[in-house]
Amino acid sequence: MAHTIMKSLALTLSVGALGALALDKKPLRTEVVLAHFAEDLGWVSQFIGKANTDIKIYSKAAELPHIAGVQAMPLPNVGRESHTFLHHIAHNYDKLADWTVFSQAVAPSWGYLIGGSANGHLSDKVSFED
């Protein structure tokens, strides 16, 4: 019995927290946190209702976006997206999702095109779904 417990503990420690969750077969919860100002949010609809995935939009726009199935909250228009992401972490520290995806609210795409709203923020061979 003690050998089995030690073996289980060693396995849990060796695979880490996510491995332990996988061993327990608990579904991992994912939260997508978007930093919004004036971006078109039409692309978000394809992710609404995905299993174990929540979408939270922090908006610094004058008017709060309304998308069914998505939580949107206003933030003062100070700082940049890093301010938004730090706000989320600080205010949700004890209840962060297993996986949190932080992103600007522009539709995900590849590349950097010298500033502006047409910029992408994904690397080669990576999709937002990854």
C-alpha atoms as a PDB file:
ATOM      1  CA  MET A   1       0.000   0.000   0.000  1.00  0.00           C
ATOM      2  CA  ALA A   2       2.719   2.503   0.998  1.00  0.00           C
ATOM      3  CA  HIS A   3       4.678   1.571  -2.148  1.00  0.00           C
ATOM      4  CA  THR A   4       1.608   2.304  -4.300  1.00  0.00           C
ATOM      5  CA  ILE A   5       1.060   5.675  -2.627  1.00  0.00           C
ATOM      6  CA  MET A   6       4.734   6.644  -3.049  1.00  0.00           C
ATOM      7  CA  LYS A   7       4.684   5.535  -6.686  1.00  0.00           C
ATOM      8  CA  SER A   8       1.561   7.628  -7.312  1.00  0.00           C
ATOM      9  CA  LEU A   9       3.100  10.626  -5.561  1.00  0.00           C
ATOM     10  CA  ALA A  10       6.314  10.296  -7.580  1.00  0.00           C
ATOM     11  CA  LEU A  11       4.335  10.090 -10.818  1.00  0.00           C
ATOM     12  CA  THR A  12       2.279  13.145  -9.883  1.00  0.00           C
ATOM     13  CA  LEU A  13       5.385  15.142  -8.999  1.00  0.00           C
ATOM     14  CA  SER A  14       7.185  14.092 -12.162  1.00  0.00           C
ATOM     15  CA  VAL A  15       4.394  15.063 -14.557  1.00  0.00           C
ATOM     16  CA  GLY A  16       3.490  18.284 -12.756  1.00  0.00           C
ATOM     17  CA  ALA A  17       0.167  19.914 -11.977  1.00  0.00           C
ATOM     18  CA  LEU A  18      -1.286  19.611 -15.481  1.00  0.00           C
ATOM     19  CA  GLY A  19      -0.302  15.971 -15.619  1.00  0.00           C
ATOM     20  CA  ALA A  20      -2.011  15.371 -12.297  1.00  0.00           C
ATOM     21  CA  LEU A  21      -5.172  16.948 -13.646  1.00  0.00           C
ATOM     22  CA  ALA A  22      -4.939  14.777 -16.745  1.00  0.00           C
ATOM     23  CA  LEU A  23      -4.454  11.664 -14.599  1.00  0.00           C
ATOM     24  CA  ASP A  24      -7.597  12.577 -12.667  1.00  0.00           C
ATOM     25  CA  LYS A  25      -9.335  13.020 -16.040  1.00  0.00           C
ATOM     26  CA  LYS A  26     -10.776  16.364 -14.956  1.00  0.00           C
ATOM     27  CA  PRO A  27     -11.488  18.584 -17.959  1.00  0.00           C
ATOM     28  CA  LEU A  28      -9.111  21.527 -18.084  1.00  0.00           C
ATOM     29  CA  ARG A  29     -10.804  24.929 -18.081  1.00  0.00           C
ATOM     30  CA  THR A  30      -9.562  27.528 -20.571  1.00  0.00           C
ATOM     31  CA  GLU A  31     -10.230  31.233 -20.390  1.00  0.00           C
ATOM     32  CA  VAL A  32      -9.578  33.619 -23.270  1.00  0.00           C
ATOM     33  CA  VAL A  33      -8.874  37.157 -22.048  1.00  0.00           C
ATOM     34  CA  LEU A  34      -9.079  39.858 -24.707  1.00  0.00           C
ATOM     35  CA  ALA A  35      -7.793  43.423 -24.413  1.00  0.00           C
ATOM     36  CA  HIS A  36     -10.245  45.513 -26.473  1.00  0.00           C
ATOM     37  CA  PHE A  37     -10.410  49.137 -27.558  1.00  0.00           C
ATOM     38  CA  ALA A  38     -11.894  49.565 -31.049  1.00  0.00           C
ATOM     39  CA  GLU A  39     -11.203  46.206 -32.712  1.00  0.00           C
ATOM     40  CA  ASP A  40     -13.873  44.295 -34.642  1.00  0.00           C
ATOM     41  CA  LEU A  41     -14.914  41.375 -32.434  1.00  0.00           C
ATOM     42  CA  GLY A  42     -16.819  39.447 -35.100  1.00  0.00           C
ATOM     43  CA  TRP A  43     -14.213  36.666 -35.063  1.00  0.00           C
ATOM     44  CA  VAL A  44     -14.949  35.847 -31.400  1.00  0.00           C
ATOM     45  CA  SER A  45     -18.269  34.135 -32.222  1.00  0.00           C
ATOM     46  CA  GLN A  46     -16.497  31.007 -33.518  1.00  0.00           C
ATOM     47  CA  PHE A  47     -15.197  30.330 -29.984  1.00  0.00           C
ATOM     48  CA  ILE A  48     -18.439  30.917 -28.060  1.00  0.00           C
ATOM     49  CA  GLY A  49     -19.845  27.752 -26.541  1.00  0.00           C
ATOM     50  CA  LYS A  50     -16.673  25.662 -26.852  1.00  0.00           C
ATOM     51  CA  ALA A  51     -16.493  23.086 -24.076  1.00  0.00           C
ATOM     52  CA  ASN A  52     -14.701  24.279 -20.925  1.00  0.00           C
ATOM     53  CA  THR A  53     -13.817  27.615 -22.555  1.00  0.00           C
ATOM     54  CA  ASP A  54     -14.844  31.030 -21.276  1.00  0.00           C
ATOM     55  CA  ILE A  55     -14.231  34.319 -23.063  1.00  0.00           C
ATOM     56  CA  LYS A  56     -13.730  37.534 -21.139  1.00  0.00           C
ATOM     57  CA  ILE A  57     -13.344  40.907 -22.847  1.00  0.00           C
ATOM     58  CA  TYR A  58     -11.894  43.871 -21.015  1.00  0.00           C
ATOM     59  CA  SER A  59     -12.807  46.947 -23.023  1.00  0.00           C
ATOM     60  CA  LYS A  60     -11.259  50.399 -22.820  1.00  0.00           C
ATOM     61  CA  ALA A  61     -13.654  51.718 -25.483  1.00  0.00           C
ATOM     62  CA  ALA A  62     -16.222  54.419 -24.781  1.00  0.00           C
ATOM     63  CA  GLU A  63     -18.999  51.886 -25.432  1.00  0.00           C
ATOM     64  CA  LEU A  64     -18.907  48.360 -23.997  1.00  0.00           C
ATOM     65  CA  PRO A  65     -19.248  45.614 -26.647  1.00  0.00           C
ATOM     66  CA  HIS A  66     -22.213  43.271 -26.240  1.00  0.00           C
ATOM     67  CA  ILE A  67     -21.748  39.702 -27.479  1.00  0.00           C
ATOM     68  CA  ALA A  68     -24.105  36.964 -26.312  1.00  0.00           C
ATOM     69  CA  GLY A  69     -22.264  34.344 -24.299  1.00  0.00           C
ATOM     70  CA  VAL A  70     -19.252  36.581 -23.613  1.00  0.00           C
ATOM     71  CA  GLN A  71     -18.503  38.499 -20.454  1.00  0.00           C
ATOM     72  CA  ALA A  72     -17.403  42.068 -21.211  1.00  0.00           C
ATOM     73  CA  MET A  73     -16.174  44.494 -18.584  1.00  0.00           C
ATOM     74  CA  PRO A  74     -15.085  48.120 -18.843  1.00  0.00           C
ATOM     75  CA  LEU A  75     -11.628  49.281 -17.854  1.00  0.00           C
ATOM     76  CA  PRO A  76     -10.326  52.847 -17.817  1.00  0.00           C
ATOM     77  CA  ASN A  77      -8.387  53.742 -20.949  1.00  0.00           C
ATOM     78  CA  VAL A  78      -4.956  53.693 -19.325  1.00  0.00           C
ATOM     79  CA  GLY A  79      -1.970  51.522 -20.114  1.00  0.00           C
ATOM     80  CA  ARG A  80      -1.934  49.018 -22.923  1.00  0.00           C
ATOM     81  CA  GLU A  81      -2.821  45.332 -23.152  1.00  0.00           C
ATOM     82  CA  SER A  82      -0.290  44.468 -20.429  1.00  0.00           C
ATOM     83  CA  HIS A  83      -2.341  46.625 -18.023  1.00  0.00           C
ATOM     84  CA  THR A  84      -5.431  44.643 -18.999  1.00  0.00           C
ATOM     85  CA  PHE A  85      -3.723  41.277 -18.539  1.00  0.00           C
ATOM     86  CA  LEU A  86      -2.236  42.244 -15.174  1.00  0.00           C
ATOM     87  CA  HIS A  87      -5.660  43.519 -14.053  1.00  0.00           C
ATOM     88  CA  HIS A  88      -7.168  40.120 -14.897  1.00  0.00           C
ATOM     89  CA  ILE A  89      -4.452  38.213 -13.034  1.00  0.00           C
ATOM     90  CA  ALA A  90      -4.590  40.450  -9.962  1.00  0.00           C
ATOM     91  CA  HIS A  91      -8.398  40.346  -9.699  1.00  0.00           C
ATOM     92  CA  ASN A  92      -8.743  36.618 -10.427  1.00  0.00           C
ATOM     93  CA  TYR A  93      -5.583  35.223  -8.856  1.00  0.00           C
ATOM     94  CA  ASP A  94      -7.368  32.655  -6.690  1.00  0.00           C
ATOM     95  CA  LYS A  95      -9.654  31.495  -9.487  1.00  0.00           C
ATOM     96  CA  LEU A  96      -7.527  31.569 -12.646  1.00  0.00           C
ATOM     97  CA  ALA A  97      -8.354  28.963 -15.276  1.00  0.00           C
ATOM     98  CA  ASP A  98      -6.080  25.968 -15.869  1.00  0.00           C
ATOM     99  CA  TRP A  99      -5.097  27.650 -19.142  1.00  0.00           C
ATOM    100  CA  THR A 100      -5.447  31.384 -19.753  1.00  0.00           C
ATOM    101  CA  VAL A 101      -4.937  32.824 -23.227  1.00  0.00           C
ATOM    102  CA  PHE A 102      -4.137  36.538 -23.220  1.00  0.00           C
ATOM    103  CA  SER A 103      -4.597  38.314 -26.538  1.00  0.00           C
ATOM    104  CA  GLN A 104      -5.257  41.655 -28.121  1.00  0.00           C
ATOM    105  CA  ALA A 105      -8.799  41.756 -29.475  1.00  0.00           C
ATOM    106  CA  VAL A 106      -7.792  42.040 -33.132  1.00  0.00           C
ATOM    107  CA  ALA A 107      -8.620  38.879 -35.108  1.00  0.00           C
ATOM    108  CA  PRO A 108      -5.727  36.429 -34.742  1.00  0.00           C
ATOM    109  CA  SER A 109      -3.457  36.276 -37.772  1.00  0.00           C
ATOM    110  CA  TRP A 110       0.181  35.784 -38.628  1.00  0.00           C
ATOM    111  CA  GLY A 111       2.881  38.408 -38.696  1.00  0.00           C
ATOM    112  CA  TYR A 112       3.726  41.939 -37.756  1.00  0.00           C
ATOM    113  CA  LEU A 113       2.937  44.615 -40.319  1.00  0.00           C
ATOM    114  CA  ILE A 114       4.534  47.748 -38.833  1.00  0.00           C
ATOM    115  CA  GLY A 115       1.772  48.753 -36.445  1.00  0.00           C
ATOM    116  CA  GLY A 116      -1.932  49.291 -36.927  1.00  0.00           C
ATOM    117  CA  SER A 117      -5.051  47.162 -36.693  1.00  0.00           C
ATOM    118  CA  ALA A 118      -4.017  44.796 -39.513  1.00  0.00           C
ATOM    119  CA  ASN A 119      -1.239  43.357 -37.352  1.00  0.00           C
ATOM    120  CA  GLY A 120      -1.142  39.740 -36.497  1.00  0.00           C
ATOM    121  CA  HIS A 121       0.320  38.342 -33.345  1.00  0.00           C
ATOM    122  CA  LEU A 122       0.862  34.659 -34.117  1.00  0.00           C
ATOM    123  CA  SER A 123       4.096  32.905 -34.953  1.00  0.00           C
ATOM    124  CA  ASP A 124       4.655  30.519 -37.856  1.00  0.00           C
ATOM    125  CA  LYS A 125       2.733  27.225 -37.759  1.00  0.00           C
ATOM    126  CA  VAL A 126       0.565  28.320 -34.808  1.00  0.00           C
ATOM    127  CA  SER A 127      -3.169  28.938 -34.802  1.00  0.00           C
ATOM    128  CA  PHE A 128      -5.299  30.628 -32.171  1.00  0.00           C
ATOM    129  CA  GLU A 129      -6.978  27.284 -31.546  1.00  0.00           C
ATOM    130  CA  ASP A 130      -3.640  25.818 -30.409  1.00  0.00           C
END
